[in-house]
Amino acid sequence: LHTREFGSQITNVLRCLQLEAHGYSVTVTELVGWEHSMKNELILARRM
């Protein structure tokens, strides 16, 4: 279970680093409250 959850977390960390390596400023936040969805991570990337 931890492999699945930690793997999901690391996936998004790698995506953020990838975007930053391409010149994007990245913000990570919640989309909505956890009561609405467990798939709740919102990645916002702005090209600098």
All heavy atoms as atom14 arrays in JSON, in Angstrom:
{
  "sequence": "LHTREFGSQITNVLRCLQLEAHGYSVTVTELVGWEHSMKNELILARRM",
  "atom14_mask": [
    [1, 1, 1, 1, 1, 1, 1, 1, 0, 0, 0, 0, 0, 0],
    [1, 1, 1, 1, 1, 1, 1, 1, 1, 1, 0, 0, 0, 0],
    [1, 1, 1, 1, 1, 1, 1, 0, 0, 0, 0, 0, 0, 0],
    [1, 1, 1, 1, 1, 1, 1, 1, 1, 1, 1, 0, 0, 0],
    [1, 1, 1, 1, 1, 1, 1, 1, 1, 0, 0, 0, 0, 0],
    [1, 1, 1, 1, 1, 1, 1, 1, 1, 1, 1, 0, 0, 0],
    [1, 1, 1, 1, 0, 0, 0, 0, 0, 0, 0, 0, 0, 0],
    [1, 1, 1, 1, 1, 1, 0, 0, 0, 0, 0, 0, 0, 0],
    [1, 1, 1, 1, 1, 1, 1, 1, 1, 0, 0, 0, 0, 0],
    [1, 1, 1, 1, 1, 1, 1, 1, 0, 0, 0, 0, 0, 0],
    [1, 1, 1, 1, 1, 1, 1, 0, 0, 0, 0, 0, 0, 0],
    [1, 1, 1, 1, 1, 1, 1, 1, 0, 0, 0, 0, 0, 0],
    [1, 1, 1, 1, 1, 1, 1, 0, 0, 0, 0, 0, 0, 0],
    [1, 1, 1, 1, 1, 1, 1, 1, 0, 0, 0, 0, 0, 0],
    [1, 1, 1, 1, 1, 1, 1, 1, 1, 1, 1, 0, 0, 0],
    [1, 1, 1, 1, 1, 1, 0, 0, 0, 0, 0, 0, 0, 0],
    [1, 1, 1, 1, 1, 1, 1, 1, 0, 0, 0, 0, 0, 0],
    [1, 1, 1, 1, 1, 1, 1, 1, 1, 0, 0, 0, 0, 0],
    [1, 1, 1, 1, 1, 1, 1, 1, 0, 0, 0, 0, 0, 0],
    [1, 1, 1, 1, 1, 1, 1, 1, 1, 0, 0, 0, 0, 0],
    [1, 1, 1, 1, 1, 0, 0, 0, 0, 0, 0, 0, 0, 0],
    [1, 1, 1, 1, 1, 1, 1, 1, 1, 1, 0, 0, 0, 0],
    [1, 1, 1, 1, 0, 0, 0, 0, 0, 0, 0, 0, 0, 0],
    [1, 1, 1, 1, 1, 1, 1, 1, 1, 1, 1, 1, 0, 0],
    [1, 1, 1, 1, 1, 1, 0, 0, 0, 0, 0, 0, 0, 0],
    [1, 1, 1, 1, 1, 1, 1, 0, 0, 0, 0, 0, 0, 0],
    [1, 1, 1, 1, 1, 1, 1, 0, 0, 0, 0, 0, 0, 0],
    [1, 1, 1, 1, 1, 1, 1, 0, 0, 0, 0, 0, 0, 0],
    [1, 1, 1, 1, 1, 1, 1, 0, 0, 0, 0, 0, 0, 0],
    [1, 1, 1, 1, 1, 1, 1, 1, 1, 0, 0, 0, 0, 0],
    [1, 1, 1, 1, 1, 1, 1, 1, 0, 0, 0, 0, 0, 0],
    [1, 1, 1, 1, 1, 1, 1, 0, 0, 0, 0, 0, 0, 0],
    [1, 1, 1, 1, 0, 0, 0, 0, 0, 0, 0, 0, 0, 0],
    [1, 1, 1, 1, 1, 1, 1, 1, 1, 1, 1, 1, 1, 1],
    [1, 1, 1, 1, 1, 1, 1, 1, 1, 0, 0, 0, 0, 0],
    [1, 1, 1, 1, 1, 1, 1, 1, 1, 1, 0, 0, 0, 0],
    [1, 1, 1, 1, 1, 1, 0, 0, 0, 0, 0, 0, 0, 0],
    [1, 1, 1, 1, 1, 1, 1, 1, 0, 0, 0, 0, 0, 0],
    [1, 1, 1, 1, 1, 1, 1, 1, 1, 0, 0, 0, 0, 0],
    [1, 1, 1, 1, 1, 1, 1, 1, 0, 0, 0, 0, 0, 0],
    [1, 1, 1, 1, 1, 1, 1, 1, 1, 0, 0, 0, 0, 0],
    [1, 1, 1, 1, 1, 1, 1, 1, 0, 0, 0, 0, 0, 0],
    [1, 1, 1, 1, 1, 1, 1, 1, 0, 0, 0, 0, 0, 0],
    [1, 1, 1, 1, 1, 1, 1, 1, 0, 0, 0, 0, 0, 0],
    [1, 1, 1, 1, 1, 0, 0, 0, 0, 0, 0, 0, 0, 0],
    [1, 1, 1, 1, 1, 1, 1, 1, 1, 1, 1, 0, 0, 0],
    [1, 1, 1, 1, 1, 1, 1, 1, 1, 1, 1, 0, 0, 0],
    [1, 1, 1, 1, 1, 1, 1, 1, 0, 0, 0, 0, 0, 0]
  ],
  "atom14_positions": [
    [[0.83, -1.2, 0.0], [0.0, 0.0, 0.0], [0.87, 1.26, 0.0], [0.6, 2.22, -0.73], [-0.93, 0.01, 1.22], [-1.8, 1.26, 1.38], [-2.73, 1.44, 0.19], [-2.6, 1.19, 2.68], [0.0, 0.0, 0.0], [0.0, 0.0, 0.0], [0.0, 0.0, 0.0], [0.0, 0.0, 0.0], [0.0, 0.0, 0.0], [0.0, 0.0, 0.0]],
    [[1.94, 1.22, 0.8], [2.83, 2.37, 0.85], [3.58, 2.54, -0.47], [3.87, 3.67, -0.88], [3.82, 2.21, 2.0], [3.18, 2.24, 3.34], [3.79, 1.76, 4.48], [1.97, 2.72, 3.74], [2.98, 1.93, 5.51], [1.88, 2.49, 5.09], [0.0, 0.0, 0.0], [0.0, 0.0, 0.0], [0.0, 0.0, 0.0], [0.0, 0.0, 0.0]],
    [[3.9, 1.43, -1.13], [4.56, 1.52, -2.43], [3.68, 2.26, -3.41], [4.15, 3.14, -4.15], [4.87, 0.11, -2.99], [5.63, -0.62, -2.04], [5.64, 0.21, -4.3], [0.0, 0.0, 0.0], [0.0, 0.0, 0.0], [0.0, 0.0, 0.0], [0.0, 0.0, 0.0], [0.0, 0.0, 0.0], [0.0, 0.0, 0.0], [0.0, 0.0, 0.0]],
    [[2.42, 1.93, -3.4], [1.49, 2.58, -4.32], [1.37, 4.07, -4.02], [1.46, 4.92, -4.91], [0.11, 1.93, -4.23], [-0.9, 2.46, -5.25], [-2.26, 1.84, -5.01], [-2.84, 2.33, -3.74], [-3.93, 1.81, -3.19], [-4.53, 0.76, -3.74], [-4.4, 2.32, -2.07], [0.0, 0.0, 0.0], [0.0, 0.0, 0.0], [0.0, 0.0, 0.0]],
    [[1.18, 4.41, -2.74], [0.98, 5.81, -2.37], [2.27, 6.62, -2.52], [2.25, 7.75, -3.03], [0.46, 5.9, -0.93], [-0.9, 5.25, -0.73], [-1.97, 5.87, -1.61], [-1.97, 7.1, -1.76], [-2.81, 5.13, -2.14], [0.0, 0.0, 0.0], [0.0, 0.0, 0.0], [0.0, 0.0, 0.0], [0.0, 0.0, 0.0], [0.0, 0.0, 0.0]],
    [[3.4, 6.05, -2.07], [4.66, 6.75, -2.19], [5.06, 6.9, -3.66], [5.6, 7.94, -4.07], [5.75, 6.0, -1.41], [7.04, 6.75, -1.3], [7.14, 7.88, -0.5], [8.16, 6.32, -2.0], [8.35, 8.57, -0.4], [9.36, 7.0, -1.89], [9.45, 8.13, -1.09], [0.0, 0.0, 0.0], [0.0, 0.0, 0.0], [0.0, 0.0, 0.0]],
    [[4.78, 5.86, -4.44], [5.07, 5.93, -5.87], [4.29, 7.04, -6.55], [4.8, 7.76, -7.42], [0.0, 0.0, 0.0], [0.0, 0.0, 0.0], [0.0, 0.0, 0.0], [0.0, 0.0, 0.0], [0.0, 0.0, 0.0], [0.0, 0.0, 0.0], [0.0, 0.0, 0.0], [0.0, 0.0, 0.0], [0.0, 0.0, 0.0], [0.0, 0.0, 0.0]],
    [[3.03, 7.21, -6.15], [2.2, 8.28, -6.69], [2.77, 9.64, -6.32], [2.85, 10.56, -7.15], [0.77, 8.15, -6.18], [-0.05, 9.2, -6.65], [0.0, 0.0, 0.0], [0.0, 0.0, 0.0], [0.0, 0.0, 0.0], [0.0, 0.0, 0.0], [0.0, 0.0, 0.0], [0.0, 0.0, 0.0], [0.0, 0.0, 0.0], [0.0, 0.0, 0.0]],
    [[3.2, 9.77, -5.06], [3.77, 11.03, -4.6], [5.06, 11.35, -5.35], [5.26, 12.49, -5.81], [4.06, 10.92, -3.1], [4.71, 12.15, -2.49], [3.71, 13.23, -2.14], [2.54, 13.11, -2.47], [4.18, 14.28, -1.49], [0.0, 0.0, 0.0], [0.0, 0.0, 0.0], [0.0, 0.0, 0.0], [0.0, 0.0, 0.0], [0.0, 0.0, 0.0]],
    [[5.94, 10.38, -5.48], [7.21, 10.6, -6.17], [6.98, 10.93, -7.64], [7.71, 11.74, -8.23], [8.13, 9.37, -6.02], [8.61, 9.26, -4.57], [9.31, 9.44, -6.97], [9.44, 10.46, -4.11], [0.0, 0.0, 0.0], [0.0, 0.0, 0.0], [0.0, 0.0, 0.0], [0.0, 0.0, 0.0], [0.0, 0.0, 0.0], [0.0, 0.0, 0.0]],
    [[5.98, 10.32, -8.25], [5.68, 10.62, -9.65], [5.45, 12.11, -9.85], [6.0, 12.73, -10.77], [4.45, 9.83, -10.11], [4.67, 8.44, -9.95], [4.14, 10.11, -11.58], [0.0, 0.0, 0.0], [0.0, 0.0, 0.0], [0.0, 0.0, 0.0], [0.0, 0.0, 0.0], [0.0, 0.0, 0.0], [0.0, 0.0, 0.0], [0.0, 0.0, 0.0]],
    [[4.63, 12.7, -8.97], [4.35, 14.12, -9.11], [5.55, 14.99, -8.76], [5.74, 16.06, -9.35], [3.14, 14.5, -8.25], [1.85, 13.96, -8.82], [1.76, 13.67, -10.02], [0.84, 13.81, -7.98], [0.0, 0.0, 0.0], [0.0, 0.0, 0.0], [0.0, 0.0, 0.0], [0.0, 0.0, 0.0], [0.0, 0.0, 0.0], [0.0, 0.0, 0.0]],
    [[6.37, 14.53, -7.82], [7.61, 15.26, -7.51], [8.52, 15.29, -8.74], [9.1, 16.34, -9.1], [8.34, 14.6, -6.32], [9.74, 15.16, -6.15], [7.54, 14.8, -5.03], [0.0, 0.0, 0.0], [0.0, 0.0, 0.0], [0.0, 0.0, 0.0], [0.0, 0.0, 0.0], [0.0, 0.0, 0.0], [0.0, 0.0, 0.0], [0.0, 0.0, 0.0]],
    [[8.64, 14.16, -9.42], [9.47, 14.09, -10.62], [8.91, 14.98, -11.72], [9.67, 15.64, -12.45], [9.56, 12.64, -11.1], [10.33, 11.68, -10.19], [10.12, 10.23, -10.64], [11.82, 12.02, -10.16], [0.0, 0.0, 0.0], [0.0, 0.0, 0.0], [0.0, 0.0, 0.0], [0.0, 0.0, 0.0], [0.0, 0.0, 0.0], [0.0, 0.0, 0.0]],
    [[7.6, 15.02, -11.84], [6.97, 15.88, -12.86], [7.28, 17.36, -12.58], [7.56, 18.13, -13.5], [5.46, 15.65, -12.89], [5.07, 14.31, -13.51], [3.64, 13.95, -13.21], [3.24, 12.74, -13.93], [2.18, 12.0, -13.62], [1.41, 12.34, -12.59], [1.89, 10.93, -14.34], [0.0, 0.0, 0.0], [0.0, 0.0, 0.0], [0.0, 0.0, 0.0]],
    [[7.21, 17.73, -11.32], [7.5, 19.12, -10.97], [8.95, 19.48, -11.27], [9.24, 20.55, -11.82], [7.19, 19.36, -9.5], [5.43, 19.29, -9.09], [0.0, 0.0, 0.0], [0.0, 0.0, 0.0], [0.0, 0.0, 0.0], [0.0, 0.0, 0.0], [0.0, 0.0, 0.0], [0.0, 0.0, 0.0], [0.0, 0.0, 0.0], [0.0, 0.0, 0.0]],
    [[9.87, 18.58, -10.94], [11.28, 18.82, -11.25], [11.51, 18.89, -12.76], [12.31, 19.71, -13.24], [12.15, 17.73, -10.63], [12.3, 17.78, -9.1], [12.96, 16.51, -8.59], [13.11, 19.01, -8.68], [0.0, 0.0, 0.0], [0.0, 0.0, 0.0], [0.0, 0.0, 0.0], [0.0, 0.0, 0.0], [0.0, 0.0, 0.0], [0.0, 0.0, 0.0]],
    [[10.83, 18.03, -13.48], [10.95, 18.05, -14.94], [10.5, 19.39, -15.51], [11.17, 19.98, -16.37], [10.11, 16.91, -15.53], [10.14, 16.85, -17.06], [9.16, 15.82, -17.59], [8.11, 15.57, -16.99], [9.49, 15.22, -18.72], [0.0, 0.0, 0.0], [0.0, 0.0, 0.0], [0.0, 0.0, 0.0], [0.0, 0.0, 0.0], [0.0, 0.0, 0.0]],
    [[9.37, 19.88, -15.04], [8.86, 21.17, -15.51], [9.82, 22.31, -15.15], [10.09, 23.19, -15.96], [7.47, 21.43, -14.92], [6.33, 20.58, -15.5], [5.12, 20.62, -14.59], [5.98, 21.06, -16.9], [0.0, 0.0, 0.0], [0.0, 0.0, 0.0], [0.0, 0.0, 0.0], [0.0, 0.0, 0.0], [0.0, 0.0, 0.0], [0.0, 0.0, 0.0]],
    [[10.36, 22.26, -13.92], [11.31, 23.29, -13.51], [12.57, 23.24, -14.35], [13.16, 24.28, -14.68], [11.63, 23.13, -12.03], [10.46, 23.5, -11.13], [10.7, 23.15, -9.67], [11.64, 22.38, -9.38], [9.94, 23.66, -8.82], [0.0, 0.0, 0.0], [0.0, 0.0, 0.0], [0.0, 0.0, 0.0], [0.0, 0.0, 0.0], [0.0, 0.0, 0.0]],
    [[13.01, 22.04, -14.71], [14.2, 21.9, -15.54], [14.0, 22.47, -16.94], [14.96, 22.8, -17.63], [14.61, 20.42, -15.63], [0.0, 0.0, 0.0], [0.0, 0.0, 0.0], [0.0, 0.0, 0.0], [0.0, 0.0, 0.0], [0.0, 0.0, 0.0], [0.0, 0.0, 0.0], [0.0, 0.0, 0.0], [0.0, 0.0, 0.0], [0.0, 0.0, 0.0]],
    [[12.75, 22.57, -17.35], [12.41, 23.15, -18.65], [12.04, 24.63, -18.55], [11.53, 25.2, -19.5], [11.27, 22.37, -19.3], [11.72, 21.11, -19.98], [12.21, 21.1, -21.28], [11.78, 19.84, -19.56], [12.53, 19.87, -21.61], [12.28, 19.08, -20.59], [0.0, 0.0, 0.0], [0.0, 0.0, 0.0], [0.0, 0.0, 0.0], [0.0, 0.0, 0.0]],
    [[12.27, 25.22, -17.38], [12.07, 26.65, -17.27], [10.71, 27.09, -16.78], [10.33, 28.25, -16.98], [0.0, 0.0, 0.0], [0.0, 0.0, 0.0], [0.0, 0.0, 0.0], [0.0, 0.0, 0.0], [0.0, 0.0, 0.0], [0.0, 0.0, 0.0], [0.0, 0.0, 0.0], [0.0, 0.0, 0.0], [0.0, 0.0, 0.0], [0.0, 0.0, 0.0]],
    [[9.99, 26.2, -16.11], [8.68, 26.54, -15.57], [8.77, 26.8, -14.07], [9.51, 26.12, -13.35], [7.67, 25.43, -15.83], [7.2, 25.36, -17.27], [7.99, 24.76, -18.25], [5.97, 25.9, -17.65], [7.58, 24.69, -19.57], [5.55, 25.84, -18.98], [6.35, 25.25, -19.93], [5.94, 25.19, -21.24], [0.0, 0.0, 0.0], [0.0, 0.0, 0.0]],
    [[7.99, 27.75, -13.62], [7.79, 27.94, -12.2], [6.57, 27.11, -11.81], [5.52, 27.19, -12.45], [7.53, 29.43, -11.9], [7.13, 29.61, -10.55], [0.0, 0.0, 0.0], [0.0, 0.0, 0.0], [0.0, 0.0, 0.0], [0.0, 0.0, 0.0], [0.0, 0.0, 0.0], [0.0, 0.0, 0.0], [0.0, 0.0, 0.0], [0.0, 0.0, 0.0]],
    [[6.7, 26.3, -10.76], [5.67, 25.31, -10.43], [5.08, 25.58, -9.05], [5.8, 25.85, -8.09], [6.26, 23.88, -10.47], [5.21, 22.85, -10.05], [6.79, 23.56, -11.86], [0.0, 0.0, 0.0], [0.0, 0.0, 0.0], [0.0, 0.0, 0.0], [0.0, 0.0, 0.0], [0.0, 0.0, 0.0], [0.0, 0.0, 0.0], [0.0, 0.0, 0.0]],
    [[3.75, 25.5, -8.99], [3.01, 25.58, -7.73], [2.16, 24.32, -7.6], [1.52, 23.91, -8.57], [2.1, 26.82, -7.69], [2.89, 28.0, -7.85], [1.34, 26.9, -6.37], [0.0, 0.0, 0.0], [0.0, 0.0, 0.0], [0.0, 0.0, 0.0], [0.0, 0.0, 0.0], [0.0, 0.0, 0.0], [0.0, 0.0, 0.0], [0.0, 0.0, 0.0]],
    [[2.16, 23.71, -6.43], [1.36, 22.52, -6.17], [0.38, 22.84, -5.04], [0.77, 23.34, -3.99], [2.23, 21.31, -5.77], [1.37, 20.07, -5.55], [3.29, 21.05, -6.84], [0.0, 0.0, 0.0], [0.0, 0.0, 0.0], [0.0, 0.0, 0.0], [0.0, 0.0, 0.0], [0.0, 0.0, 0.0], [0.0, 0.0, 0.0], [0.0, 0.0, 0.0]],
    [[-0.89, 22.55, -5.28], [-1.91, 22.85, -4.28], [-3.03, 21.82, -4.36], [-2.98, 20.89, -5.18], [-2.46, 24.28, -4.5], [-3.35, 24.62, -3.43], [-3.2, 24.39, -5.82], [0.0, 0.0, 0.0], [0.0, 0.0, 0.0], [0.0, 0.0, 0.0], [0.0, 0.0, 0.0], [0.0, 0.0, 0.0], [0.0, 0.0, 0.0], [0.0, 0.0, 0.0]],
    [[-4.04, 21.97, -3.5], [-5.22, 21.1, -3.55], [-6.2, 21.64, -4.57], [-6.37, 22.86, -4.7], [-5.9, 21.04, -2.19], [-5.12, 20.3, -1.12], [-5.87, 20.25, 0.2], [-7.0, 20.76, 0.27], [-5.31, 19.7, 1.16], [0.0, 0.0, 0.0], [0.0, 0.0, 0.0], [0.0, 0.0, 0.0], [0.0, 0.0, 0.0], [0.0, 0.0, 0.0]],
    [[-6.86, 20.74, -5.26], [-7.91, 21.15, -6.19], [-9.19, 21.49, -5.43], [-9.73, 22.57, -5.54], [-8.18, 20.05, -7.23], [-9.35, 20.3, -8.18], [-9.15, 21.6, -8.95], [-9.52, 19.13, -9.13], [0.0, 0.0, 0.0], [0.0, 0.0, 0.0], [0.0, 0.0, 0.0], [0.0, 0.0, 0.0], [0.0, 0.0, 0.0], [0.0, 0.0, 0.0]],
    [[-9.68, 20.52, -4.65], [-10.86, 20.71, -3.82], [-10.6, 19.99, -2.5], [-9.57, 19.36, -2.32], [-12.14, 20.14, -4.48], [-12.57, 20.98, -5.67], [-11.93, 18.69, -4.92], [0.0, 0.0, 0.0], [0.0, 0.0, 0.0], [0.0, 0.0, 0.0], [0.0, 0.0, 0.0], [0.0, 0.0, 0.0], [0.0, 0.0, 0.0], [0.0, 0.0, 0.0]],
    [[-11.55, 20.08, -1.57], [-11.4, 19.37, -0.32], [-11.33, 17.86, -0.53], [-11.88, 17.32, -1.48], [0.0, 0.0, 0.0], [0.0, 0.0, 0.0], [0.0, 0.0, 0.0], [0.0, 0.0, 0.0], [0.0, 0.0, 0.0], [0.0, 0.0, 0.0], [0.0, 0.0, 0.0], [0.0, 0.0, 0.0], [0.0, 0.0, 0.0], [0.0, 0.0, 0.0]],
    [[-10.62, 17.18, 0.38], [-10.44, 15.73, 0.24], [-11.76, 14.97, 0.32], [-11.85, 13.82, -0.13], [-9.5, 15.22, 1.33], [-8.1, 15.72, 1.15], [-7.47, 16.68, 1.87], [-7.16, 15.28, 0.15], [-6.19, 16.88, 1.39], [-5.97, 16.04, 0.35], [-7.21, 14.34, -0.86], [-4.85, 15.87, -0.45], [-6.07, 14.17, -1.66], [-4.93, 14.93, -1.45]],
    [[-12.81, 15.61, 0.85], [-14.09, 14.92, 0.91], [-14.7, 14.76, -0.48], [-15.6, 13.94, -0.68], [-15.08, 15.69, 1.8], [-15.57, 17.02, 1.26], [-14.62, 18.17, 1.58], [-13.48, 17.9, 2.01], [-15.02, 19.34, 1.4], [0.0, 0.0, 0.0], [0.0, 0.0, 0.0], [0.0, 0.0, 0.0], [0.0, 0.0, 0.0], [0.0, 0.0, 0.0]],
    [[-14.22, 15.53, -1.45], [-14.77, 15.45, -2.8], [-14.0, 14.47, -3.69], [-14.58, 13.83, -4.55], [-14.77, 16.83, -3.46], [-15.69, 17.81, -2.79], [-17.05, 17.67, -2.8], [-15.43, 18.93, -2.07], [-17.6, 18.67, -2.13], [-16.64, 19.45, -1.68], [0.0, 0.0, 0.0], [0.0, 0.0, 0.0], [0.0, 0.0, 0.0], [0.0, 0.0, 0.0]],
    [[-12.69, 14.39, -3.5], [-11.89, 13.52, -4.36], [-10.55, 13.23, -3.7], [-9.92, 14.12, -3.14], [-11.66, 14.19, -5.73], [-10.79, 13.41, -6.51], [0.0, 0.0, 0.0], [0.0, 0.0, 0.0], [0.0, 0.0, 0.0], [0.0, 0.0, 0.0], [0.0, 0.0, 0.0], [0.0, 0.0, 0.0], [0.0, 0.0, 0.0], [0.0, 0.0, 0.0]],
    [[-10.1, 11.97, -3.8], [-8.78, 11.62, -3.31], [-7.71, 11.94, -4.35], [-6.54, 12.02, -4.04], [-8.74, 10.12, -2.95], [-9.62, 9.75, -1.77], [-9.23, 10.68, -0.27], [-7.62, 10.0, 0.11], [0.0, 0.0, 0.0], [0.0, 0.0, 0.0], [0.0, 0.0, 0.0], [0.0, 0.0, 0.0], [0.0, 0.0, 0.0], [0.0, 0.0, 0.0]],
    [[-8.12, 12.13, -5.61], [-7.2, 12.53, -6.67], [-7.25, 14.06, -6.72], [-7.95, 14.66, -7.52], [-7.62, 11.9, -8.02], [-7.81, 10.39, -7.96], [-6.54, 9.67, -7.51], [-6.76, 8.15, -7.48], [-5.56, 7.43, -7.01], [0.0, 0.0, 0.0], [0.0, 0.0, 0.0], [0.0, 0.0, 0.0], [0.0, 0.0, 0.0], [0.0, 0.0, 0.0]],
    [[-6.48, 14.67, -5.86], [-6.75, 16.04, -5.47], [-5.59, 16.98, -5.68], [-5.65, 18.14, -5.3], [-7.16, 16.05, -3.99], [-7.87, 17.31, -3.6], [-8.66, 17.82, -4.35], [-7.57, 17.8, -2.41], [0.0, 0.0, 0.0], [0.0, 0.0, 0.0], [0.0, 0.0, 0.0], [0.0, 0.0, 0.0], [0.0, 0.0, 0.0], [0.0, 0.0, 0.0]],
    [[-4.5, 16.51, -6.28], [-3.32, 17.34, -6.42], [-3.39, 18.15, -7.71], [-3.61, 17.6, -8.79], [-2.06, 16.47, -6.4], [-0.78, 17.26, -6.3], [0.4, 16.37, -5.93], [0.17, 15.31, -5.31], [1.53, 16.73, -6.27], [0.0, 0.0, 0.0], [0.0, 0.0, 0.0], [0.0, 0.0, 0.0], [0.0, 0.0, 0.0], [0.0, 0.0, 0.0]],
    [[-3.18, 19.44, -7.58], [-3.23, 20.35, -8.72], [-1.84, 20.93, -8.94], [-1.26, 21.55, -8.04], [-4.24, 21.47, -8.46], [-4.28, 22.63, -9.47], [-4.65, 22.12, -10.87], [-5.27, 23.69, -9.01], [0.0, 0.0, 0.0], [0.0, 0.0, 0.0], [0.0, 0.0, 0.0], [0.0, 0.0, 0.0], [0.0, 0.0, 0.0], [0.0, 0.0, 0.0]],
    [[-1.3, 20.71, -10.13], [0.02, 21.23, -10.5], [-0.17, 22.37, -11.49], [-0.74, 22.18, -12.57], [0.89, 20.12, -11.12], [1.1, 18.98, -10.12], [2.24, 20.69, -11.56], [1.82, 17.77, -10.7], [0.0, 0.0, 0.0], [0.0, 0.0, 0.0], [0.0, 0.0, 0.0], [0.0, 0.0, 0.0], [0.0, 0.0, 0.0], [0.0, 0.0, 0.0]],
    [[0.31, 23.54, -11.11], [0.23, 24.73, -11.96], [1.65, 25.1, -12.39], [2.53, 25.31, -11.55], [-0.39, 25.9, -11.21], [-1.81, 25.67, -10.67], [-2.18, 26.75, -9.67], [-2.81, 25.65, -11.81], [0.0, 0.0, 0.0], [0.0, 0.0, 0.0], [0.0, 0.0, 0.0], [0.0, 0.0, 0.0], [0.0, 0.0, 0.0], [0.0, 0.0, 0.0]],
    [[1.88, 25.17, -13.69], [3.21, 25.47, -14.21], [3.15, 26.69, -15.13], [2.31, 26.76, -16.03], [3.77, 24.27, -14.97], [0.0, 0.0, 0.0], [0.0, 0.0, 0.0], [0.0, 0.0, 0.0], [0.0, 0.0, 0.0], [0.0, 0.0, 0.0], [0.0, 0.0, 0.0], [0.0, 0.0, 0.0], [0.0, 0.0, 0.0], [0.0, 0.0, 0.0]],
    [[4.05, 27.64, -14.88], [4.13, 28.88, -15.67], [5.53, 28.96, -16.3], [6.53, 28.91, -15.59], [3.89, 30.09, -14.77], [4.14, 31.44, -15.43], [4.12, 32.56, -14.4], [2.79, 32.69, -13.82], [1.85, 33.5, -14.28], [2.11, 34.27, -15.33], [0.68, 33.57, -13.7], [0.0, 0.0, 0.0], [0.0, 0.0, 0.0], [0.0, 0.0, 0.0]],
    [[5.58, 29.1, -17.61], [6.87, 29.2, -18.29], [7.51, 30.55, -18.02], [6.88, 31.6, -18.23], [6.72, 28.97, -19.79], [8.03, 28.97, -20.56], [7.89, 28.3, -21.92], [6.85, 28.9, -22.72], [7.03, 29.95, -23.52], [8.22, 30.52, -23.6], [6.04, 30.43, -24.24], [0.0, 0.0, 0.0], [0.0, 0.0, 0.0], [0.0, 0.0, 0.0]],
    [[8.76, 30.52, -17.57], [9.49, 31.74, -17.25], [10.41, 32.11, -18.4], [11.04, 31.24, -19.0], [10.3, 31.56, -15.96], [9.49, 31.03, -14.77], [8.09, 32.12, -14.33], [9.01, 33.52, -13.65], [0.0, 0.0, 0.0], [0.0, 0.0, 0.0], [0.0, 0.0, 0.0], [0.0, 0.0, 0.0], [0.0, 0.0, 0.0], [0.0, 0.0, 0.0]]
  ]
}
